[in-house]
Amino acid sequence: MKPATKFEILWRSLGGCELKKEYQFAPKRKFRMDYYGETNGKRFCVELEGGIYVRGRHTRPSGFLRDMEKYNLAAQLGIFVFRIPSHNISAEWIVPILKGLK
């Protein structure tokens, strides 16, 4: 099962709110978040971080720096960013996110 599919199934089964996929959160930038949602007056994104052990885009210098820029911009816009390693999607990662959004 693909990491995104596993995340979506777990998110729904654990009572997560509706999420938008590949959400462009800053109109003047091309940055996209894997998932975006709003609940209890909070705006948030969930990023599935892949390629951690194989020097994927998120861990190479240029990708890492671009992600930092993206996450900092989200923070400036009042959007919480939650990051989950795509190789380890489980309730262990999702439940604390849901608790934090209450």
PDB file of N, CA and C in Angstrom:
ATOM      1  N   MET A   1       0.853  -1.180   0.000  1.00  0.00           N
ATOM      2  CA  MET A   1       0.000   0.000   0.000  1.00  0.00           C
ATOM      3  C   MET A   1       0.898   1.242   0.000  1.00  0.00           C
ATOM      4  N   LYS A   2       0.529   2.203  -0.804  1.00  0.00           N
ATOM      5  CA  LYS A   2       1.295   3.450  -0.874  1.00  0.00           C
ATOM      6  C   LYS A   2       1.162   4.219   0.445  1.00  0.00           C
ATOM      7  N   PRO A   3       2.229   4.943   0.822  1.00  0.00           N
ATOM      8  CA  PRO A   3       2.177   5.706   2.076  1.00  0.00           C
ATOM      9  C   PRO A   3       0.985   6.663   2.150  1.00  0.00           C
ATOM     10  N   ALA A   4       0.682   7.350   1.052  1.00  0.00           N
ATOM     11  CA  ALA A   4      -0.431   8.306   1.071  1.00  0.00           C
ATOM     12  C   ALA A   4      -1.758   7.599   1.332  1.00  0.00           C
ATOM     13  N   THR A   5      -1.954   6.457   0.705  1.00  0.00           N
ATOM     14  CA  THR A   5      -3.188   5.692   0.910  1.00  0.00           C
ATOM     15  C   THR A   5      -3.294   5.236   2.358  1.00  0.00           C
ATOM     16  N   LYS A   6      -2.195   4.726   2.892  1.00  0.00           N
ATOM     17  CA  LYS A   6      -2.183   4.280   4.287  1.00  0.00           C
ATOM     18  C   LYS A   6      -2.496   5.446   5.225  1.00  0.00           C
ATOM     19  N   PHE A   7      -1.890   6.600   4.968  1.00  0.00           N
ATOM     20  CA  PHE A   7      -2.157   7.775   5.802  1.00  0.00           C
ATOM     21  C   PHE A   7      -3.635   8.148   5.749  1.00  0.00           C
ATOM     22  N   GLU A   8      -4.203   8.222   4.546  1.00  0.00           N
ATOM     23  CA  GLU A   8      -5.603   8.634   4.395  1.00  0.00           C
ATOM     24  C   GLU A   8      -6.553   7.687   5.126  1.00  0.00           C
ATOM     25  N   ILE A   9      -6.302   6.386   5.022  1.00  0.00           N
ATOM     26  CA  ILE A   9      -7.152   5.403   5.703  1.00  0.00           C
ATOM     27  C   ILE A   9      -7.043   5.564   7.217  1.00  0.00           C
ATOM     28  N   LEU A  10      -5.820   5.661   7.722  1.00  0.00           N
ATOM     29  CA  LEU A  10      -5.623   5.833   9.166  1.00  0.00           C
ATOM     30  C   LEU A  10      -6.214   7.147   9.665  1.00  0.00           C
ATOM     31  N   TRP A  11      -5.985   8.216   8.923  1.00  0.00           N
ATOM     32  CA  TRP A  11      -6.486   9.536   9.324  1.00  0.00           C
ATOM     33  C   TRP A  11      -8.006   9.495   9.507  1.00  0.00           C
ATOM     34  N   ARG A  12      -8.693   8.934   8.520  1.00  0.00           N
ATOM     35  CA  ARG A  12     -10.162   8.855   8.598  1.00  0.00           C
ATOM     36  C   ARG A  12     -10.611   7.931   9.733  1.00  0.00           C
ATOM     37  N   SER A  13      -9.939   6.769   9.857  1.00  0.00           N
ATOM     38  CA  SER A  13     -10.356   5.801  10.877  1.00  0.00           C
ATOM     39  C   SER A  13     -10.133   6.323  12.298  1.00  0.00           C
ATOM     40  N   LEU A  14      -9.197   7.248  12.462  1.00  0.00           N
ATOM     41  CA  LEU A  14      -8.920   7.826  13.779  1.00  0.00           C
ATOM     42  C   LEU A  14      -9.716   9.109  14.039  1.00  0.00           C
ATOM     43  N   GLY A  15     -10.620   9.454  13.111  1.00  0.00           N
ATOM     44  CA  GLY A  15     -11.512  10.591  13.321  1.00  0.00           C
ATOM     45  C   GLY A  15     -10.994  11.924  12.830  1.00  0.00           C
ATOM     46  N   GLY A  16     -10.006  11.902  11.937  1.00  0.00           N
ATOM     47  CA  GLY A  16      -9.467  13.146  11.387  1.00  0.00           C
ATOM     48  C   GLY A  16     -10.477  13.868  10.507  1.00  0.00           C
ATOM     49  N   CYS A  17     -10.364  15.184  10.447  1.00  0.00           N
ATOM     50  CA  CYS A  17     -11.263  16.007   9.628  1.00  0.00           C
ATOM     51  C   CYS A  17     -10.939  15.829   8.139  1.00  0.00           C
ATOM     52  N   GLU A  18     -11.775  16.411   7.306  1.00  0.00           N
ATOM     53  CA  GLU A  18     -11.551  16.353   5.860  1.00  0.00           C
ATOM     54  C   GLU A  18     -10.263  17.101   5.509  1.00  0.00           C
ATOM     55  N   LEU A  19      -9.502  16.529   4.579  1.00  0.00           N
ATOM     56  CA  LEU A  19      -8.242  17.129   4.147  1.00  0.00           C
ATOM     57  C   LEU A  19      -8.254  17.386   2.649  1.00  0.00           C
ATOM     58  N   LYS A  20      -7.576  18.436   2.239  1.00  0.00           N
ATOM     59  CA  LYS A  20      -7.366  18.719   0.820  1.00  0.00           C
ATOM     60  C   LYS A  20      -5.975  18.224   0.458  1.00  0.00           C
ATOM     61  N   LYS A  21      -5.865  17.557  -0.694  1.00  0.00           N
ATOM     62  CA  LYS A  21      -4.567  17.033  -1.137  1.00  0.00           C
ATOM     63  C   LYS A  21      -3.833  18.052  -1.991  1.00  0.00           C
ATOM     64  N   GLU A  22      -2.501  18.002  -1.916  1.00  0.00           N
ATOM     65  CA  GLU A  22      -1.635  18.851  -2.748  1.00  0.00           C
ATOM     66  C   GLU A  22      -2.101  20.307  -2.714  1.00  0.00           C
ATOM     67  N   TYR A  23      -2.255  20.823  -1.533  1.00  0.00           N
ATOM     68  CA  TYR A  23      -2.819  22.155  -1.323  1.00  0.00           C
ATOM     69  C   TYR A  23      -1.766  23.245  -1.513  1.00  0.00           C
ATOM     70  N   GLN A  24      -2.061  24.182  -2.396  1.00  0.00           N
ATOM     71  CA  GLN A  24      -1.178  25.337  -2.615  1.00  0.00           C
ATOM     72  C   GLN A  24      -1.594  26.415  -1.619  1.00  0.00           C
ATOM     73  N   PHE A  25      -0.812  26.545  -0.549  1.00  0.00           N
ATOM     74  CA  PHE A  25      -1.223  27.384   0.577  1.00  0.00           C
ATOM     75  C   PHE A  25      -0.811  28.841   0.448  1.00  0.00           C
ATOM     76  N   ALA A  26       0.088  29.160  -0.453  1.00  0.00           N
ATOM     77  CA  ALA A  26       0.541  30.544  -0.646  1.00  0.00           C
ATOM     78  C   ALA A  26       0.366  30.882  -2.126  1.00  0.00           C
ATOM     79  N   PRO A  27      -0.686  31.616  -2.475  1.00  0.00           N
ATOM     80  CA  PRO A  27      -1.017  31.865  -3.877  1.00  0.00           C
ATOM     81  C   PRO A  27       0.132  32.405  -4.735  1.00  0.00           C
ATOM     82  N   LYS A  28       1.028  33.189  -4.157  1.00  0.00           N
ATOM     83  CA  LYS A  28       2.109  33.766  -4.961  1.00  0.00           C
ATOM     84  C   LYS A  28       3.302  32.824  -5.088  1.00  0.00           C
ATOM     85  N   ARG A  29       3.248  31.673  -4.436  1.00  0.00           N
ATOM     86  CA  ARG A  29       4.327  30.687  -4.484  1.00  0.00           C
ATOM     87  C   ARG A  29       3.764  29.368  -5.002  1.00  0.00           C
ATOM     88  N   LYS A  30       4.615  28.531  -5.521  1.00  0.00           N
ATOM     89  CA  LYS A  30       4.157  27.236  -6.020  1.00  0.00           C
ATOM     90  C   LYS A  30       4.224  26.141  -4.955  1.00  0.00           C
ATOM     91  N   PHE A  31       4.553  26.526  -3.725  1.00  0.00           N
ATOM     92  CA  PHE A  31       4.638  25.543  -2.648  1.00  0.00           C
ATOM     93  C   PHE A  31       3.311  24.820  -2.476  1.00  0.00           C
ATOM     94  N   ARG A  32       3.395  23.524  -2.306  1.00  0.00           N
ATOM     95  CA  ARG A  32       2.212  22.709  -2.026  1.00  0.00           C
ATOM     96  C   ARG A  32       2.493  21.844  -0.804  1.00  0.00           C
ATOM     97  N   MET A  33       1.472  21.626  -0.029  1.00  0.00           N
ATOM     98  CA  MET A  33       1.558  20.710   1.104  1.00  0.00           C
ATOM     99  C   MET A  33       0.824  19.430   0.725  1.00  0.00           C
ATOM    100  N   ASP A  34       1.307  18.298   1.229  1.00  0.00           N
ATOM    101  CA  ASP A  34       0.661  17.026   0.901  1.00  0.00           C
ATOM    102  C   ASP A  34      -0.813  17.048   1.289  1.00  0.00           C
ATOM    103  N   TYR A  35      -1.103  17.535   2.494  1.00  0.00           N
ATOM    104  CA  TYR A  35      -2.485  17.604   2.983  1.00  0.00           C
ATOM    105  C   TYR A  35      -2.680  18.899   3.763  1.00  0.00           C
ATOM    106  N   TYR A  36      -3.881  19.464   3.629  1.00  0.00           N
ATOM    107  CA  TYR A  36      -4.230  20.697   4.340  1.00  0.00           C
ATOM    108  C   TYR A  36      -5.608  20.510   4.956  1.00  0.00           C
ATOM    109  N   GLY A  37      -5.777  21.033   6.164  1.00  0.00           N
ATOM    110  CA  GLY A  37      -7.077  20.963   6.805  1.00  0.00           C
ATOM    111  C   GLY A  37      -7.300  22.128   7.750  1.00  0.00           C
ATOM    112  N   GLU A  38      -8.546  22.284   8.158  1.00  0.00           N
ATOM    113  CA  GLU A  38      -8.931  23.293   9.150  1.00  0.00           C
ATOM    114  C   GLU A  38      -9.889  22.632  10.127  1.00  0.00           C
ATOM    115  N   THR A  39      -9.615  22.827  11.406  1.00  0.00           N
ATOM    116  CA  THR A  39     -10.495  22.285  12.439  1.00  0.00           C
ATOM    117  C   THR A  39     -10.320  23.082  13.721  1.00  0.00           C
ATOM    118  N   ASN A  40     -11.413  23.291  14.419  1.00  0.00           N
ATOM    119  CA  ASN A  40     -11.380  24.026  15.698  1.00  0.00           C
ATOM    120  C   ASN A  40     -10.640  25.353  15.582  1.00  0.00           C
ATOM    121  N   GLY A  41     -10.818  26.035  14.472  1.00  0.00           N
ATOM    122  CA  GLY A  41     -10.179  27.333  14.272  1.00  0.00           C
ATOM    123  C   GLY A  41      -8.694  27.262  13.976  1.00  0.00           C
ATOM    124  N   LYS A  42      -8.180  26.068  13.737  1.00  0.00           N
ATOM    125  CA  LYS A  42      -6.750  25.893  13.454  1.00  0.00           C
ATOM    126  C   LYS A  42      -6.551  25.453  12.011  1.00  0.00           C
ATOM    127  N   ARG A  43      -5.573  26.069  11.378  1.00  0.00           N
ATOM    128  CA  ARG A  43      -5.180  25.687  10.020  1.00  0.00           C
ATOM    129  C   ARG A  43      -3.908  24.852  10.136  1.00  0.00           C
ATOM    130  N   PHE A  44      -3.841  23.760   9.379  1.00  0.00           N
ATOM    131  CA  PHE A  44      -2.684  22.883   9.501  1.00  0.00           C
ATOM    132  C   PHE A  44      -2.422  22.124   8.201  1.00  0.00           C
ATOM    133  N   CYS A  45      -1.208  21.643   8.092  1.00  0.00           N
ATOM    134  CA  CYS A  45      -0.805  20.807   6.967  1.00  0.00           C
ATOM    135  C   CYS A  45      -0.113  19.567   7.509  1.00  0.00           C
ATOM    136  N   VAL A  46      -0.210  18.497   6.757  1.00  0.00           N
ATOM    137  CA  VAL A  46       0.526  17.276   7.065  1.00  0.00           C
ATOM    138  C   VAL A  46       1.401  16.969   5.861  1.00  0.00           C
ATOM    139  N   GLU A  47       2.682  16.793   6.121  1.00  0.00           N
ATOM    140  CA  GLU A  47       3.649  16.445   5.083  1.00  0.00           C
ATOM    141  C   GLU A  47       4.150  15.029   5.336  1.00  0.00           C
ATOM    142  N   LEU A  48       4.092  14.191   4.316  1.00  0.00           N
ATOM    143  CA  LEU A  48       4.660  12.850   4.388  1.00  0.00           C
ATOM    144  C   LEU A  48       6.067  12.945   3.824  1.00  0.00           C
ATOM    145  N   GLU A  49       7.037  12.762   4.684  1.00  0.00           N
ATOM    146  CA  GLU A  49       8.442  12.940   4.305  1.00  0.00           C
ATOM    147  C   GLU A  49       9.029  11.613   3.840  1.00  0.00           C
ATOM    148  N   GLY A  50       9.311  11.524   2.557  1.00  0.00           N
ATOM    149  CA  GLY A  50       9.861  10.290   1.999  1.00  0.00           C
ATOM    150  C   GLY A  50      11.340  10.400   1.690  1.00  0.00           C
ATOM    151  N   GLY A  51      11.925   9.270   1.351  1.00  0.00           N
ATOM    152  CA  GLY A  51      13.319   9.242   0.925  1.00  0.00           C
ATOM    153  C   GLY A  51      14.323   9.592   1.997  1.00  0.00           C
ATOM    154  N   ILE A  52      13.959   9.374   3.242  1.00  0.00           N
ATOM    155  CA  ILE A  52      14.837   9.766   4.347  1.00  0.00           C
ATOM    156  C   ILE A  52      16.156   9.002   4.317  1.00  0.00           C
ATOM    157  N   TYR A  53      16.093   7.714   4.018  1.00  0.00           N
ATOM    158  CA  TYR A  53      17.300   6.883   4.077  1.00  0.00           C
ATOM    159  C   TYR A  53      17.978   6.696   2.727  1.00  0.00           C
ATOM    160  N   VAL A  54      17.375   7.197   1.673  1.00  0.00           N
ATOM    161  CA  VAL A  54      17.953   6.998   0.333  1.00  0.00           C
ATOM    162  C   VAL A  54      18.329   8.318  -0.330  1.00  0.00           C
ATOM    163  N   ARG A  55      18.547   9.332   0.492  1.00  0.00           N
ATOM    164  CA  ARG A  55      18.891  10.668   0.000  1.00  0.00           C
ATOM    165  C   ARG A  55      17.865  11.169  -1.018  1.00  0.00           C
ATOM    166  N   GLY A  56      16.611  11.080  -0.633  1.00  0.00           N
ATOM    167  CA  GLY A  56      15.534  11.600  -1.463  1.00  0.00           C
ATOM    168  C   GLY A  56      15.542  13.121  -1.477  1.00  0.00           C
ATOM    169  N   ARG A  57      14.602  13.705  -2.197  1.00  0.00           N
ATOM    170  CA  ARG A  57      14.549  15.154  -2.363  1.00  0.00           C
ATOM    171  C   ARG A  57      14.515  15.896  -1.031  1.00  0.00           C
ATOM    172  N   HIS A  58      13.799  15.345  -0.061  1.00  0.00           N
ATOM    173  CA  HIS A  58      13.658  16.037   1.226  1.00  0.00           C
ATOM    174  C   HIS A  58      14.958  16.086   2.025  1.00  0.00           C
ATOM    175  N   THR A  59      15.922  15.232   1.705  1.00  0.00           N
ATOM    176  CA  THR A  59      17.153  15.195   2.503  1.00  0.00           C
ATOM    177  C   THR A  59      18.379  15.701   1.754  1.00  0.00           C
ATOM    178  N   ARG A  60      18.256  15.962   0.474  1.00  0.00           N
ATOM    179  CA  ARG A  60      19.377  16.570  -0.254  1.00  0.00           C
ATOM    180  C   ARG A  60      19.393  18.062   0.063  1.00  0.00           C
ATOM    181  N   PRO A  61      20.555  18.695   0.026  1.00  0.00           N
ATOM    182  CA  PRO A  61      20.659  20.104   0.449  1.00  0.00           C
ATOM    183  C   PRO A  61      19.635  21.041  -0.190  1.00  0.00           C
ATOM    184  N   SER A  62      19.466  21.009  -1.499  1.00  0.00           N
ATOM    185  CA  SER A  62      18.547  21.967  -2.130  1.00  0.00           C
ATOM    186  C   SER A  62      17.102  21.706  -1.712  1.00  0.00           C
ATOM    187  N   GLY A  63      16.687  20.440  -1.658  1.00  0.00           N
ATOM    188  CA  GLY A  63      15.331  20.108  -1.239  1.00  0.00           C
ATOM    189  C   GLY A  63      15.087  20.416   0.222  1.00  0.00           C
ATOM    190  N   PHE A  64      16.090  20.145   1.041  1.00  0.00           N
ATOM    191  CA  PHE A  64      15.987  20.416   2.475  1.00  0.00           C
ATOM    192  C   PHE A  64      15.800  21.910   2.722  1.00  0.00           C
ATOM    193  N   LEU A  65      16.594  22.732   2.040  1.00  0.00           N
ATOM    194  CA  LEU A  65      16.488  24.186   2.201  1.00  0.00           C
ATOM    195  C   LEU A  65      15.150  24.706   1.684  1.00  0.00           C
ATOM    196  N   ARG A  66      14.679  24.167   0.574  1.00  0.00           N
ATOM    197  CA  ARG A  66      13.386  24.590   0.022  1.00  0.00           C
ATOM    198  C   ARG A  66      12.257  24.225   0.992  1.00  0.00           C
ATOM    199  N   ASP A  67      12.347  23.038   1.588  1.00  0.00           N
ATOM    200  CA  ASP A  67      11.336  22.647   2.571  1.00  0.00           C
ATOM    201  C   ASP A  67      11.354  23.579   3.779  1.00  0.00           C
ATOM    202  N   MET A  68      12.546  23.978   4.216  1.00  0.00           N
ATOM    203  CA  MET A  68      12.631  24.914   5.342  1.00  0.00           C
ATOM    204  C   MET A  68      11.932  26.224   4.997  1.00  0.00           C
ATOM    205  N   GLU A  69      12.163  26.710   3.798  1.00  0.00           N
ATOM    206  CA  GLU A  69      11.513  27.949   3.352  1.00  0.00           C
ATOM    207  C   GLU A  69       9.997  27.774   3.346  1.00  0.00           C
ATOM    208  N   LYS A  70       9.536  26.639   2.828  1.00  0.00           N
ATOM    209  CA  LYS A  70       8.103  26.356   2.757  1.00  0.00           C
ATOM    210  C   LYS A  70       7.488  26.285   4.155  1.00  0.00           C
ATOM    211  N   TYR A  71       8.125  25.572   5.073  1.00  0.00           N
ATOM    212  CA  TYR A  71       7.581  25.424   6.417  1.00  0.00           C
ATOM    213  C   TYR A  71       7.581  26.751   7.170  1.00  0.00           C
ATOM    214  N   ASN A  72       8.608  27.551   6.984  1.00  0.00           N
ATOM    215  CA  ASN A  72       8.657  28.865   7.637  1.00  0.00           C
ATOM    216  C   ASN A  72       7.574  29.790   7.096  1.00  0.00           C
ATOM    217  N   LEU A  73       7.320  29.738   5.792  1.00  0.00           N
ATOM    218  CA  LEU A  73       6.251  30.546   5.210  1.00  0.00           C
ATOM    219  C   LEU A  73       4.898  30.110   5.776  1.00  0.00           C
ATOM    220  N   ALA A  74       4.687  28.816   5.889  1.00  0.00           N
ATOM    221  CA  ALA A  74       3.437  28.320   6.470  1.00  0.00           C
ATOM    222  C   ALA A  74       3.262  28.860   7.893  1.00  0.00           C
ATOM    223  N   ALA A  75       4.329  28.836   8.678  1.00  0.00           N
ATOM    224  CA  ALA A  75       4.263  29.351  10.053  1.00  0.00           C
ATOM    225  C   ALA A  75       3.908  30.837  10.066  1.00  0.00           C
ATOM    226  N   GLN A  76       4.492  31.598   9.145  1.00  0.00           N
ATOM    227  CA  GLN A  76       4.192  33.034   9.060  1.00  0.00           C
ATOM    228  C   GLN A  76       2.719  33.270   8.741  1.00  0.00           C
ATOM    229  N   LEU A  77       2.109  32.329   8.026  1.00  0.00           N
ATOM    230  CA  LEU A  77       0.700  32.445   7.650  1.00  0.00           C
ATOM    231  C   LEU A  77      -0.229  31.823   8.696  1.00  0.00           C
ATOM    232  N   GLY A  78       0.342  31.379   9.809  1.00  0.00           N
ATOM    233  CA  GLY A  78      -0.467  30.800  10.879  1.00  0.00           C
ATOM    234  C   GLY A  78      -0.900  29.367  10.634  1.00  0.00           C
ATOM    235  N   ILE A  79      -0.151  28.637   9.831  1.00  0.00           N
ATOM    236  CA  ILE A  79      -0.477  27.251   9.510  1.00  0.00           C
ATOM    237  C   ILE A  79       0.496  26.328  10.244  1.00  0.00           C
ATOM    238  N   PHE A  80      -0.042  25.440  11.063  1.00  0.00           N
ATOM    239  CA  PHE A  80       0.785  24.433  11.723  1.00  0.00           C
ATOM    240  C   PHE A  80       1.234  23.419  10.675  1.00  0.00           C
ATOM    241  N   VAL A  81       2.463  22.941  10.774  1.00  0.00           N
ATOM    242  CA  VAL A  81       2.964  21.912   9.861  1.00  0.00           C
ATOM    243  C   VAL A  81       3.351  20.688  10.682  1.00  0.00           C
ATOM    244  N   PHE A  82       2.739  19.567  10.351  1.00  0.00           N
ATOM    245  CA  PHE A  82       3.065  18.292  10.988  1.00  0.00           C
ATOM    246  C   PHE A  82       3.766  17.419   9.957  1.00  0.00           C
ATOM    247  N   ARG A  83       4.857  16.789  10.369  1.00  0.00           N
ATOM    248  CA  ARG A  83       5.655  15.979   9.452  1.00  0.00           C
ATOM    249  C   ARG A  83       5.655  14.525   9.926  1.00  0.00           C
ATOM    250  N   ILE A  84       5.412  13.624   8.982  1.00  0.00           N
ATOM    251  CA  ILE A  84       5.385  12.195   9.278  1.00  0.00           C
ATOM    252  C   ILE A  84       6.323  11.492   8.302  1.00  0.00           C
ATOM    253  N   PRO A  85       7.202  10.600   8.788  1.00  0.00           N
ATOM    254  CA  PRO A  85       8.055   9.849   7.865  1.00  0.00           C
ATOM    255  C   PRO A  85       7.205   8.855   7.074  1.00  0.00           C
ATOM    256  N   SER A  86       7.309   8.892   5.761  1.00  0.00           N
ATOM    257  CA  SER A  86       6.425   8.071   4.929  1.00  0.00           C
ATOM    258  C   SER A  86       6.660   6.572   5.104  1.00  0.00           C
ATOM    259  N   HIS A  87       7.815   6.174   5.607  1.00  0.00           N
ATOM    260  CA  HIS A  87       8.079   4.744   5.807  1.00  0.00           C
ATOM    261  C   HIS A  87       7.475   4.219   7.110  1.00  0.00           C
ATOM    262  N   ASN A  88       6.924   5.107   7.932  1.00  0.00           N
ATOM    263  CA  ASN A  88       6.451   4.706   9.253  1.00  0.00           C
ATOM    264  C   ASN A  88       5.105   5.345   9.589  1.00  0.00           C
ATOM    265  N   ILE A  89       4.187   5.313   8.663  1.00  0.00           N
ATOM    266  CA  ILE A  89       2.875   5.911   8.906  1.00  0.00           C
ATOM    267  C   ILE A  89       2.091   4.984   9.827  1.00  0.00           C
ATOM    268  N   SER A  90       1.721   5.528  10.989  1.00  0.00           N
ATOM    269  CA  SER A  90       1.011   4.723  11.980  1.00  0.00           C
ATOM    270  C   SER A  90       0.221   5.648  12.900  1.00  0.00           C
ATOM    271  N   ALA A  91      -0.643   5.023  13.698  1.00  0.00           N
ATOM    272  CA  ALA A  91      -1.411   5.791  14.681  1.00  0.00           C
ATOM    273  C   ALA A  91      -0.480   6.498  15.657  1.00  0.00           C
ATOM    274  N   GLU A  92       0.692   5.934  15.880  1.00  0.00           N
ATOM    275  CA  GLU A  92       1.678   6.541  16.784  1.00  0.00           C
ATOM    276  C   GLU A  92       2.013   7.970  16.359  1.00  0.00           C
ATOM    277  N   TRP A  93       1.993   8.247  15.068  1.00  0.00           N
ATOM    278  CA  TRP A  93       2.270   9.595  14.555  1.00  0.00           C
ATOM    279  C   TRP A  93       0.996  10.431  14.431  1.00  0.00           C
ATOM    280  N   ILE A  94      -0.104   9.800  14.081  1.00  0.00           N
ATOM    281  CA  ILE A  94      -1.333  10.543  13.779  1.00  0.00           C
ATOM    282  C   ILE A  94      -2.101  10.955  15.037  1.00  0.00           C
ATOM    283  N   VAL A  95      -2.181  10.086  16.026  1.00  0.00           N
ATOM    284  CA  VAL A  95      -2.949  10.399  17.241  1.00  0.00           C
ATOM    285  C   VAL A  95      -2.460  11.684  17.921  1.00  0.00           C
ATOM    286  N   PRO A  96      -1.146  11.889  18.101  1.00  0.00           N
ATOM    287  CA  PRO A  96      -0.708  13.153  18.721  1.00  0.00           C
ATOM    288  C   PRO A  96      -1.091  14.394  17.905  1.00  0.00           C
ATOM    289  N   ILE A  97      -1.120  14.260  16.594  1.00  0.00           N
ATOM    290  CA  ILE A  97      -1.546  15.381  15.747  1.00  0.00           C
ATOM    291  C   ILE A  97      -3.008  15.703  16.040  1.00  0.00           C
ATOM    292  N   LEU A  98      -3.842  14.674  16.035  1.00  0.00           N
ATOM    293  CA  LEU A  98      -5.270  14.884  16.289  1.00  0.00           C
ATOM    294  C   LEU A  98      -5.511  15.471  17.680  1.00  0.00           C
ATOM    295  N   LYS A  99      -4.765  15.011  18.663  1.00  0.00           N
ATOM    296  CA  LYS A  99      -4.903  15.565  20.024  1.00  0.00           C
ATOM    297  C   LYS A  99      -4.492  17.032  20.056  1.00  0.00           C
ATOM    298  N   GLY A 100      -3.445  17.367  19.333  1.00  0.00           N
ATOM    299  CA  GLY A 100      -2.969  18.749  19.294  1.00  0.00           C
ATOM    300  C   GLY A 100      -3.925  19.701  18.599  1.00  0.00           C
ATOM    301  N   LEU A 101      -4.785  19.165  17.756  1.00  0.00           N
ATOM    302  CA  LEU A 101      -5.733  19.996  17.012  1.00  0.00           C
ATOM    303  C   LEU A 101      -7.053  20.201  17.750  1.00  0.00           C
ATOM    304  N   LYS A 102      -7.220  19.562  18.881  1.00  0.00           N
ATOM    305  CA  LYS A 102      -8.478  19.709  19.645  1.00  0.00           C
ATOM    306  C   LYS A 102      -8.529  21.018  20.376  1.00  0.00           C
TER     307      LYS A 102
END
